[in-house]
Amino acid sequence: CAGAEKRIDDWHWVMISGLDPQTGVITFFDES
């Protein structure tokens, strides 16, 4: 469940490639 963050699909696995621990922003690979 993505909650309030709607840029992630529900019921889904992705691969995280980066993280900014200060802002909480991740980069991830999904759907090519």
PDB file of all heavy atoms in Angstrom:
ATOM      1  N   CYS A   1       0.863  -1.190   0.000  1.00  0.00           N
ATOM      2  CA  CYS A   1       0.000   0.000   0.000  1.00  0.00           C
ATOM      3  C   CYS A   1       0.891   1.228   0.000  1.00  0.00           C
ATOM      4  O   CYS A   1       1.719   1.395   0.893  1.00  0.00           O
ATOM      5  CB  CYS A   1      -0.916   0.002   1.227  1.00  0.00           C
ATOM      6  SG  CYS A   1      -1.766   1.573   1.487  1.00  0.00           S
ATOM      7  N   ALA A   2       0.716   2.089  -0.988  1.00  0.00           N
ATOM      8  CA  ALA A   2       1.597   3.251  -1.129  1.00  0.00           C
ATOM      9  C   ALA A   2       1.258   4.366  -0.155  1.00  0.00           C
ATOM     10  O   ALA A   2       2.030   5.313  -0.023  1.00  0.00           O
ATOM     11  CB  ALA A   2       1.530   3.777  -2.566  1.00  0.00           C
ATOM     12  N   GLY A   3       0.140   4.281   0.530  1.00  0.00           N
ATOM     13  CA  GLY A   3      -0.248   5.354   1.439  1.00  0.00           C
ATOM     14  C   GLY A   3      -0.410   6.661   0.678  1.00  0.00           C
ATOM     15  O   GLY A   3      -1.045   6.717  -0.375  1.00  0.00           O
ATOM     16  N   ALA A   4       0.187   7.724   1.193  1.00  0.00           N
ATOM     17  CA  ALA A   4       0.072   9.040   0.570  1.00  0.00           C
ATOM     18  C   ALA A   4       1.060   9.240  -0.573  1.00  0.00           C
ATOM     19  O   ALA A   4       0.959  10.235  -1.294  1.00  0.00           O
ATOM     20  CB  ALA A   4       0.276  10.132   1.622  1.00  0.00           C
ATOM     21  N   GLU A   5       2.002   8.314  -0.750  1.00  0.00           N
ATOM     22  CA  GLU A   5       3.000   8.431  -1.821  1.00  0.00           C
ATOM     23  C   GLU A   5       2.515   7.656  -3.049  1.00  0.00           C
ATOM     24  O   GLU A   5       2.675   6.443  -3.144  1.00  0.00           O
ATOM     25  CB  GLU A   5       4.359   7.903  -1.342  1.00  0.00           C
ATOM     26  CG  GLU A   5       5.454   7.895  -2.401  1.00  0.00           C
ATOM     27  CD  GLU A   5       5.558   9.183  -3.191  1.00  0.00           C
ATOM     28  OE1 GLU A   5       4.777   9.365  -4.156  1.00  0.00           O
ATOM     29  OE2 GLU A   5       6.425  10.001  -2.850  1.00  0.00           O
ATOM     30  N   LYS A   6       1.896   8.370  -3.965  1.00  0.00           N
ATOM     31  CA  LYS A   6       1.210   7.726  -5.088  1.00  0.00           C
ATOM     32  C   LYS A   6       2.122   7.440  -6.280  1.00  0.00           C
ATOM     33  O   LYS A   6       1.652   6.952  -7.309  1.00  0.00           O
ATOM     34  CB  LYS A   6       0.029   8.596  -5.537  1.00  0.00           C
ATOM     35  CG  LYS A   6      -1.007   8.838  -4.450  1.00  0.00           C
ATOM     36  CD  LYS A   6      -1.513   7.526  -3.844  1.00  0.00           C
ATOM     37  CE  LYS A   6      -2.591   7.776  -2.793  1.00  0.00           C
ATOM     38  NZ  LYS A   6      -3.032   6.501  -2.151  1.00  0.00           N
ATOM     39  N   ARG A   7       3.416   7.715  -6.131  1.00  0.00           N
ATOM     40  CA  ARG A   7       4.328   7.431  -7.239  1.00  0.00           C
ATOM     41  C   ARG A   7       4.846   5.993  -7.216  1.00  0.00           C
ATOM     42  O   ARG A   7       5.630   5.603  -8.075  1.00  0.00           O
ATOM     43  CB  ARG A   7       5.503   8.410  -7.205  1.00  0.00           C
ATOM     44  CG  ARG A   7       5.120   9.834  -7.563  1.00  0.00           C
ATOM     45  CD  ARG A   7       6.279  10.795  -7.398  1.00  0.00           C
ATOM     46  NE  ARG A   7       6.643  10.988  -5.992  1.00  0.00           N
ATOM     47  CZ  ARG A   7       7.633  11.782  -5.581  1.00  0.00           C
ATOM     48  NH1 ARG A   7       8.373  12.428  -6.466  1.00  0.00           N
ATOM     49  NH2 ARG A   7       7.878  11.925  -4.287  1.00  0.00           N
ATOM     50  N   ILE A   8       4.393   5.208  -6.236  1.00  0.00           N
ATOM     51  CA  ILE A   8       4.752   3.793  -6.159  1.00  0.00           C
ATOM     52  C   ILE A   8       3.482   2.979  -6.349  1.00  0.00           C
ATOM     53  O   ILE A   8       2.455   3.256  -5.735  1.00  0.00           O
ATOM     54  CB  ILE A   8       5.369   3.442  -4.786  1.00  0.00           C
ATOM     55  CG1 ILE A   8       6.394   4.484  -4.354  1.00  0.00           C
ATOM     56  CG2 ILE A   8       6.008   2.056  -4.820  1.00  0.00           C
ATOM     57  CD1 ILE A   8       6.904   4.284  -2.931  1.00  0.00           C
ATOM     58  N   ASP A   9       3.548   1.958  -7.178  1.00  0.00           N
ATOM     59  CA  ASP A   9       2.384   1.102  -7.387  1.00  0.00           C
ATOM     60  C   ASP A   9       2.143   0.225  -6.166  1.00  0.00           C
ATOM     61  O   ASP A   9       3.085  -0.286  -5.542  1.00  0.00           O
ATOM     62  CB  ASP A   9       2.593   0.199  -8.611  1.00  0.00           C
ATOM     63  CG  ASP A   9       2.547   0.973  -9.915  1.00  0.00           C
ATOM     64  OD1 ASP A   9       1.972   2.081  -9.922  1.00  0.00           O
ATOM     65  OD2 ASP A   9       3.082   0.473 -10.923  1.00  0.00           O
ATOM     66  N   ASP A  10       0.876   0.024  -5.828  1.00  0.00           N
ATOM     67  CA  ASP A  10       0.517  -0.882  -4.750  1.00  0.00           C
ATOM     68  C   ASP A  10       0.813  -2.331  -5.142  1.00  0.00           C
ATOM     69  O   ASP A  10       0.810  -2.689  -6.322  1.00  0.00           O
ATOM     70  CB  ASP A  10      -0.975  -0.756  -4.428  1.00  0.00           C
ATOM     71  CG  ASP A  10      -1.331   0.580  -3.789  1.00  0.00           C
ATOM     72  OD1 ASP A  10      -0.438   1.203  -3.189  1.00  0.00           O
ATOM     73  OD2 ASP A  10      -2.505   0.991  -3.898  1.00  0.00           O
ATOM     74  N   TRP A  11       1.012  -3.148  -4.115  1.00  0.00           N
ATOM     75  CA  TRP A  11       1.189  -4.595  -4.290  1.00  0.00           C
ATOM     76  C   TRP A  11       2.298  -4.870  -5.303  1.00  0.00           C
ATOM     77  O   TRP A  11       2.112  -5.565  -6.300  1.00  0.00           O
ATOM     78  CB  TRP A  11      -0.119  -5.254  -4.725  1.00  0.00           C
ATOM     79  CG  TRP A  11      -0.398  -6.546  -4.012  1.00  0.00           C
ATOM     80  CD1 TRP A  11      -0.022  -7.797  -4.419  1.00  0.00           C
ATOM     81  CD2 TRP A  11      -1.082  -6.727  -2.771  1.00  0.00           C
ATOM     82  NE1 TRP A  11      -0.432  -8.733  -3.504  1.00  0.00           N
ATOM     83  CE2 TRP A  11      -1.097  -8.100  -2.474  1.00  0.00           C
ATOM     84  CE3 TRP A  11      -1.681  -5.840  -1.876  1.00  0.00           C
ATOM     85  CZ2 TRP A  11      -1.689  -8.619  -1.323  1.00  0.00           C
ATOM     86  CZ3 TRP A  11      -2.264  -6.355  -0.730  1.00  0.00           C
ATOM     87  CH2 TRP A  11      -2.276  -7.728  -0.469  1.00  0.00           C
ATOM     88  N   HIS A  12       3.472  -4.348  -5.020  1.00  0.00           N
ATOM     89  CA  HIS A  12       4.517  -4.321  -6.045  1.00  0.00           C
ATOM     90  C   HIS A  12       5.903  -4.390  -5.422  1.00  0.00           C
ATOM     91  O   HIS A  12       6.135  -3.894  -4.317  1.00  0.00           O
ATOM     92  CB  HIS A  12       4.377  -3.013  -6.840  1.00  0.00           C
ATOM     93  CG  HIS A  12       5.070  -3.009  -8.158  1.00  0.00           C
ATOM     94  ND1 HIS A  12       5.103  -4.092  -9.006  1.00  0.00           N
ATOM     95  CD2 HIS A  12       5.768  -2.021  -8.787  1.00  0.00           C
ATOM     96  CE1 HIS A  12       5.775  -3.776 -10.096  1.00  0.00           C
ATOM     97  NE2 HIS A  12       6.202  -2.535  -9.980  1.00  0.00           N
ATOM     98  N   TRP A  13       6.830  -5.042  -6.145  1.00  0.00           N
ATOM     99  CA  TRP A  13       8.255  -5.054  -5.820  1.00  0.00           C
ATOM    100  C   TRP A  13       9.000  -4.206  -6.839  1.00  0.00           C
ATOM    101  O   TRP A  13       8.719  -4.271  -8.043  1.00  0.00           O
ATOM    102  CB  TRP A  13       8.822  -6.470  -5.899  1.00  0.00           C
ATOM    103  CG  TRP A  13       8.489  -7.400  -4.773  1.00  0.00           C
ATOM    104  CD1 TRP A  13       7.415  -8.240  -4.702  1.00  0.00           C
ATOM    105  CD2 TRP A  13       9.245  -7.606  -3.578  1.00  0.00           C
ATOM    106  NE1 TRP A  13       7.454  -8.952  -3.535  1.00  0.00           N
ATOM    107  CE2 TRP A  13       8.578  -8.592  -2.821  1.00  0.00           C
ATOM    108  CE3 TRP A  13      10.430  -7.054  -3.074  1.00  0.00           C
ATOM    109  CZ2 TRP A  13       9.045  -9.042  -1.589  1.00  0.00           C
ATOM    110  CZ3 TRP A  13      10.893  -7.501  -1.844  1.00  0.00           C
ATOM    111  CH2 TRP A  13      10.209  -8.485  -1.117  1.00  0.00           C
ATOM    112  N   VAL A  14       9.975  -3.417  -6.365  1.00  0.00           N
ATOM    113  CA  VAL A  14      10.860  -2.653  -7.253  1.00  0.00           C
ATOM    114  C   VAL A  14      12.287  -2.766  -6.723  1.00  0.00           C
ATOM    115  O   VAL A  14      12.527  -3.305  -5.636  1.00  0.00           O
ATOM    116  CB  VAL A  14      10.447  -1.156  -7.332  1.00  0.00           C
ATOM    117  CG1 VAL A  14       9.040  -1.008  -7.886  1.00  0.00           C
ATOM    118  CG2 VAL A  14      10.566  -0.475  -5.968  1.00  0.00           C
ATOM    119  N   MET A  15      13.239  -2.260  -7.484  1.00  0.00           N
ATOM    120  CA  MET A  15      14.630  -2.262  -7.055  1.00  0.00           C
ATOM    121  C   MET A  15      15.092  -0.843  -6.764  1.00  0.00           C
ATOM    122  O   MET A  15      15.137   0.006  -7.658  1.00  0.00           O
ATOM    123  CB  MET A  15      15.547  -2.883  -8.113  1.00  0.00           C
ATOM    124  CG  MET A  15      16.988  -3.064  -7.621  1.00  0.00           C
ATOM    125  SD  MET A  15      18.094  -3.816  -8.835  1.00  0.00           S
ATOM    126  CE  MET A  15      18.634  -2.365  -9.762  1.00  0.00           C
ATOM    127  N   ILE A  16      15.445  -0.571  -5.502  1.00  0.00           N
ATOM    128  CA  ILE A  16      15.933   0.749  -5.089  1.00  0.00           C
ATOM    129  C   ILE A  16      17.393   0.887  -5.476  1.00  0.00           C
ATOM    130  O   ILE A  16      18.218   0.029  -5.189  1.00  0.00           O
ATOM    131  CB  ILE A  16      15.768   0.943  -3.572  1.00  0.00           C
ATOM    132  CG1 ILE A  16      14.278   0.968  -3.205  1.00  0.00           C
ATOM    133  CG2 ILE A  16      16.457   2.227  -3.108  1.00  0.00           C
ATOM    134  CD1 ILE A  16      14.024   1.038  -1.699  1.00  0.00           C
ATOM    135  N   SER A  17      17.718   2.030  -6.112  1.00  0.00           N
ATOM    136  CA  SER A  17      19.097   2.269  -6.558  1.00  0.00           C
ATOM    137  C   SER A  17      19.749   3.450  -5.860  1.00  0.00           C
ATOM    138  O   SER A  17      20.964   3.642  -5.972  1.00  0.00           O
ATOM    139  CB  SER A  17      19.122   2.509  -8.074  1.00  0.00           C
ATOM    140  OG  SER A  17      18.297   3.607  -8.417  1.00  0.00           O
ATOM    141  N   GLY A  18      18.970   4.265  -5.150  1.00  0.00           N
ATOM    142  CA  GLY A  18      19.535   5.432  -4.487  1.00  0.00           C
ATOM    143  C   GLY A  18      18.628   5.927  -3.381  1.00  0.00           C
ATOM    144  O   GLY A  18      17.420   5.668  -3.379  1.00  0.00           O
ATOM    145  N   LEU A  19      19.221   6.646  -2.425  1.00  0.00           N
ATOM    146  CA  LEU A  19      18.474   7.180  -1.286  1.00  0.00           C
ATOM    147  C   LEU A  19      19.112   8.468  -0.806  1.00  0.00           C
ATOM    148  O   LEU A  19      20.333   8.546  -0.641  1.00  0.00           O
ATOM    149  CB  LEU A  19      18.481   6.164  -0.135  1.00  0.00           C
ATOM    150  CG  LEU A  19      18.037   6.691   1.243  1.00  0.00           C
ATOM    151  CD1 LEU A  19      16.537   6.948   1.257  1.00  0.00           C
ATOM    152  CD2 LEU A  19      18.417   5.709   2.345  1.00  0.00           C
ATOM    153  N   ASP A  20      18.268   9.470  -0.572  1.00  0.00           N
ATOM    154  CA  ASP A  20      18.679  10.677   0.140  1.00  0.00           C
ATOM    155  C   ASP A  20      18.089  10.569   1.546  1.00  0.00           C
ATOM    156  O   ASP A  20      16.883  10.770   1.728  1.00  0.00           O
ATOM    157  CB  ASP A  20      18.164  11.928  -0.559  1.00  0.00           C
ATOM    158  CG  ASP A  20      18.673  13.216   0.088  1.00  0.00           C
ATOM    159  OD1 ASP A  20      18.934  13.200   1.311  1.00  0.00           O
ATOM    160  OD2 ASP A  20      18.802  14.227  -0.615  1.00  0.00           O
ATOM    161  N   PRO A  21      18.899  10.230   2.554  1.00  0.00           N
ATOM    162  CA  PRO A  21      18.342  10.000   3.891  1.00  0.00           C
ATOM    163  C   PRO A  21      17.781  11.259   4.541  1.00  0.00           C
ATOM    164  O   PRO A  21      16.975  11.167   5.469  1.00  0.00           O
ATOM    165  CB  PRO A  21      19.542   9.456   4.678  1.00  0.00           C
ATOM    166  CG  PRO A  21      20.737   9.966   3.957  1.00  0.00           C
ATOM    167  CD  PRO A  21      20.354  10.020   2.510  1.00  0.00           C
ATOM    168  N   GLN A  22      18.191  12.426   4.063  1.00  0.00           N
ATOM    169  CA  GLN A  22      17.688  13.671   4.640  1.00  0.00           C
ATOM    170  C   GLN A  22      16.278  13.991   4.160  1.00  0.00           C
ATOM    171  O   GLN A  22      15.422  14.418   4.941  1.00  0.00           O
ATOM    172  CB  GLN A  22      18.645  14.823   4.292  1.00  0.00           C
ATOM    173  CG  GLN A  22      20.070  14.597   4.748  1.00  0.00           C
ATOM    174  CD  GLN A  22      20.184  14.340   6.243  1.00  0.00           C
ATOM    175  OE1 GLN A  22      19.538  15.019   7.031  1.00  0.00           O
ATOM    176  NE2 GLN A  22      20.990  13.373   6.628  1.00  0.00           N
ATOM    177  N   THR A  23      16.028  13.801   2.881  1.00  0.00           N
ATOM    178  CA  THR A  23      14.716  14.103   2.321  1.00  0.00           C
ATOM    179  C   THR A  23      13.795  12.890   2.289  1.00  0.00           C
ATOM    180  O   THR A  23      12.582  13.038   2.160  1.00  0.00           O
ATOM    181  CB  THR A  23      14.853  14.649   0.890  1.00  0.00           C
ATOM    182  OG1 THR A  23      15.393  13.623   0.044  1.00  0.00           O
ATOM    183  CG2 THR A  23      15.761  15.869   0.863  1.00  0.00           C
ATOM    184  N   GLY A  24      14.385  11.694   2.367  1.00  0.00           N
ATOM    185  CA  GLY A  24      13.592  10.476   2.271  1.00  0.00           C
ATOM    186  C   GLY A  24      13.322  10.021   0.852  1.00  0.00           C
ATOM    187  O   GLY A  24      12.635   9.012   0.636  1.00  0.00           O
ATOM    188  N   VAL A  25      13.860  10.723  -0.131  1.00  0.00           N
ATOM    189  CA  VAL A  25      13.600  10.392  -1.535  1.00  0.00           C
ATOM    190  C   VAL A  25      14.464   9.215  -1.977  1.00  0.00           C
ATOM    191  O   VAL A  25      15.669   9.176  -1.699  1.00  0.00           O
ATOM    192  CB  VAL A  25      13.852  11.611  -2.442  1.00  0.00           C
ATOM    193  CG1 VAL A  25      13.793  11.221  -3.922  1.00  0.00           C
ATOM    194  CG2 VAL A  25      12.830  12.701  -2.144  1.00  0.00           C
ATOM    195  N   ILE A  26      13.842   8.260  -2.654  1.00  0.00           N
ATOM    196  CA  ILE A  26      14.564   7.148  -3.267  1.00  0.00           C
ATOM    197  C   ILE A  26      14.478   7.243  -4.782  1.00  0.00           C
ATOM    198  O   ILE A  26      13.546   7.837  -5.335  1.00  0.00           O
ATOM    199  CB  ILE A  26      14.008   5.779  -2.825  1.00  0.00           C
ATOM    200  CG1 ILE A  26      12.498   5.677  -3.133  1.00  0.00           C
ATOM    201  CG2 ILE A  26      14.330   5.500  -1.376  1.00  0.00           C
ATOM    202  CD1 ILE A  26      11.933   4.273  -2.970  1.00  0.00           C
ATOM    203  N   THR A  27      15.473   6.686  -5.451  1.00  0.00           N
ATOM    204  CA  THR A  27      15.363   6.396  -6.881  1.00  0.00           C
ATOM    205  C   THR A  27      15.225   4.886  -7.004  1.00  0.00           C
ATOM    206  O   THR A  27      15.802   4.134  -6.206  1.00  0.00           O
ATOM    207  CB  THR A  27      16.594   6.869  -7.661  1.00  0.00           C
ATOM    208  OG1 THR A  27      17.772   6.278  -7.114  1.00  0.00           O
ATOM    209  CG2 THR A  27      16.723   8.377  -7.607  1.00  0.00           C
ATOM    210  N   PHE A  28      14.443   4.443  -7.967  1.00  0.00           N
ATOM    211  CA  PHE A  28      14.233   3.009  -8.121  1.00  0.00           C
ATOM    212  C   PHE A  28      13.946   2.668  -9.584  1.00  0.00           C
ATOM    213  O   PHE A  28      13.471   3.502 -10.368  1.00  0.00           O
ATOM    214  CB  PHE A  28      13.110   2.504  -7.212  1.00  0.00           C
ATOM    215  CG  PHE A  28      11.753   3.125  -7.450  1.00  0.00           C
ATOM    216  CD1 PHE A  28      10.805   2.506  -8.234  1.00  0.00           C
ATOM    217  CD2 PHE A  28      11.419   4.345  -6.857  1.00  0.00           C
ATOM    218  CE1 PHE A  28       9.552   3.072  -8.441  1.00  0.00           C
ATOM    219  CE2 PHE A  28      10.164   4.922  -7.046  1.00  0.00           C
ATOM    220  CZ  PHE A  28       9.227   4.282  -7.843  1.00  0.00           C
ATOM    221  N   PHE A  29      14.275   1.433  -9.932  1.00  0.00           N
ATOM    222  CA  PHE A  29      14.005   0.918 -11.265  1.00  0.00           C
ATOM    223  C   PHE A  29      12.655   0.215 -11.244  1.00  0.00           C
ATOM    224  O   PHE A  29      12.403  -0.649 -10.401  1.00  0.00           O
ATOM    225  CB  PHE A  29      15.085  -0.079 -11.687  1.00  0.00           C
ATOM    226  CG  PHE A  29      16.417   0.545 -11.999  1.00  0.00           C
ATOM    227  CD1 PHE A  29      17.390   0.662 -11.022  1.00  0.00           C
ATOM    228  CD2 PHE A  29      16.705   1.006 -13.273  1.00  0.00           C
ATOM    229  CE1 PHE A  29      18.617   1.234 -11.296  1.00  0.00           C
ATOM    230  CE2 PHE A  29      17.934   1.581 -13.569  1.00  0.00           C
ATOM    231  CZ  PHE A  29      18.898   1.695 -12.580  1.00  0.00           C
ATOM    232  N   ASP A  30      11.795   0.568 -12.198  1.00  0.00           N
ATOM    233  CA  ASP A  30      10.471  -0.039 -12.299  1.00  0.00           C
ATOM    234  C   ASP A  30       9.940   0.184 -13.706  1.00  0.00           C
ATOM    235  O   ASP A  30      10.035   1.295 -14.242  1.00  0.00           O
ATOM    236  CB  ASP A  30       9.517   0.585 -11.269  1.00  0.00           C
ATOM    237  CG  ASP A  30       8.140  -0.056 -11.277  1.00  0.00           C
ATOM    238  OD1 ASP A  30       8.056  -1.274 -11.505  1.00  0.00           O
ATOM    239  OD2 ASP A  30       7.148   0.648 -11.032  1.00  0.00           O
ATOM    240  N   GLU A  31       9.412  -0.863 -14.298  1.00  0.00           N
ATOM    241  CA  GLU A  31       8.823  -0.781 -15.638  1.00  0.00           C
ATOM    242  C   GLU A  31       9.825  -0.222 -16.646  1.00  0.00           C
ATOM    243  O   GLU A  31       9.470   0.562 -17.518  1.00  0.00           O
ATOM    244  CB  GLU A  31       7.550   0.069 -15.620  1.00  0.00           C
ATOM    245  CG  GLU A  31       6.464  -0.507 -14.729  1.00  0.00           C
ATOM    246  CD  GLU A  31       5.224   0.361 -14.675  1.00  0.00           C
ATOM    247  OE1 GLU A  31       5.369   1.608 -14.717  1.00  0.00           O
ATOM    248  OE2 GLU A  31       4.117  -0.196 -14.611  1.00  0.00           O
ATOM    249  N   SER A  32      11.100  -0.615 -16.494  1.00  0.00           N
ATOM    250  CA  SER A  32      12.177  -0.179 -17.389  1.00  0.00           C
ATOM    251  C   SER A  32      12.387   1.327 -17.375  1.00  0.00           C
ATOM    252  O   SER A  32      12.801   1.924 -18.366  1.00  0.00           O
ATOM    253  CB  SER A  32      11.925  -0.664 -18.830  1.00  0.00           C
ATOM    254  OG  SER A  32      11.989  -2.073 -18.890  1.00  0.00           O
TER     255      SER A  32
END
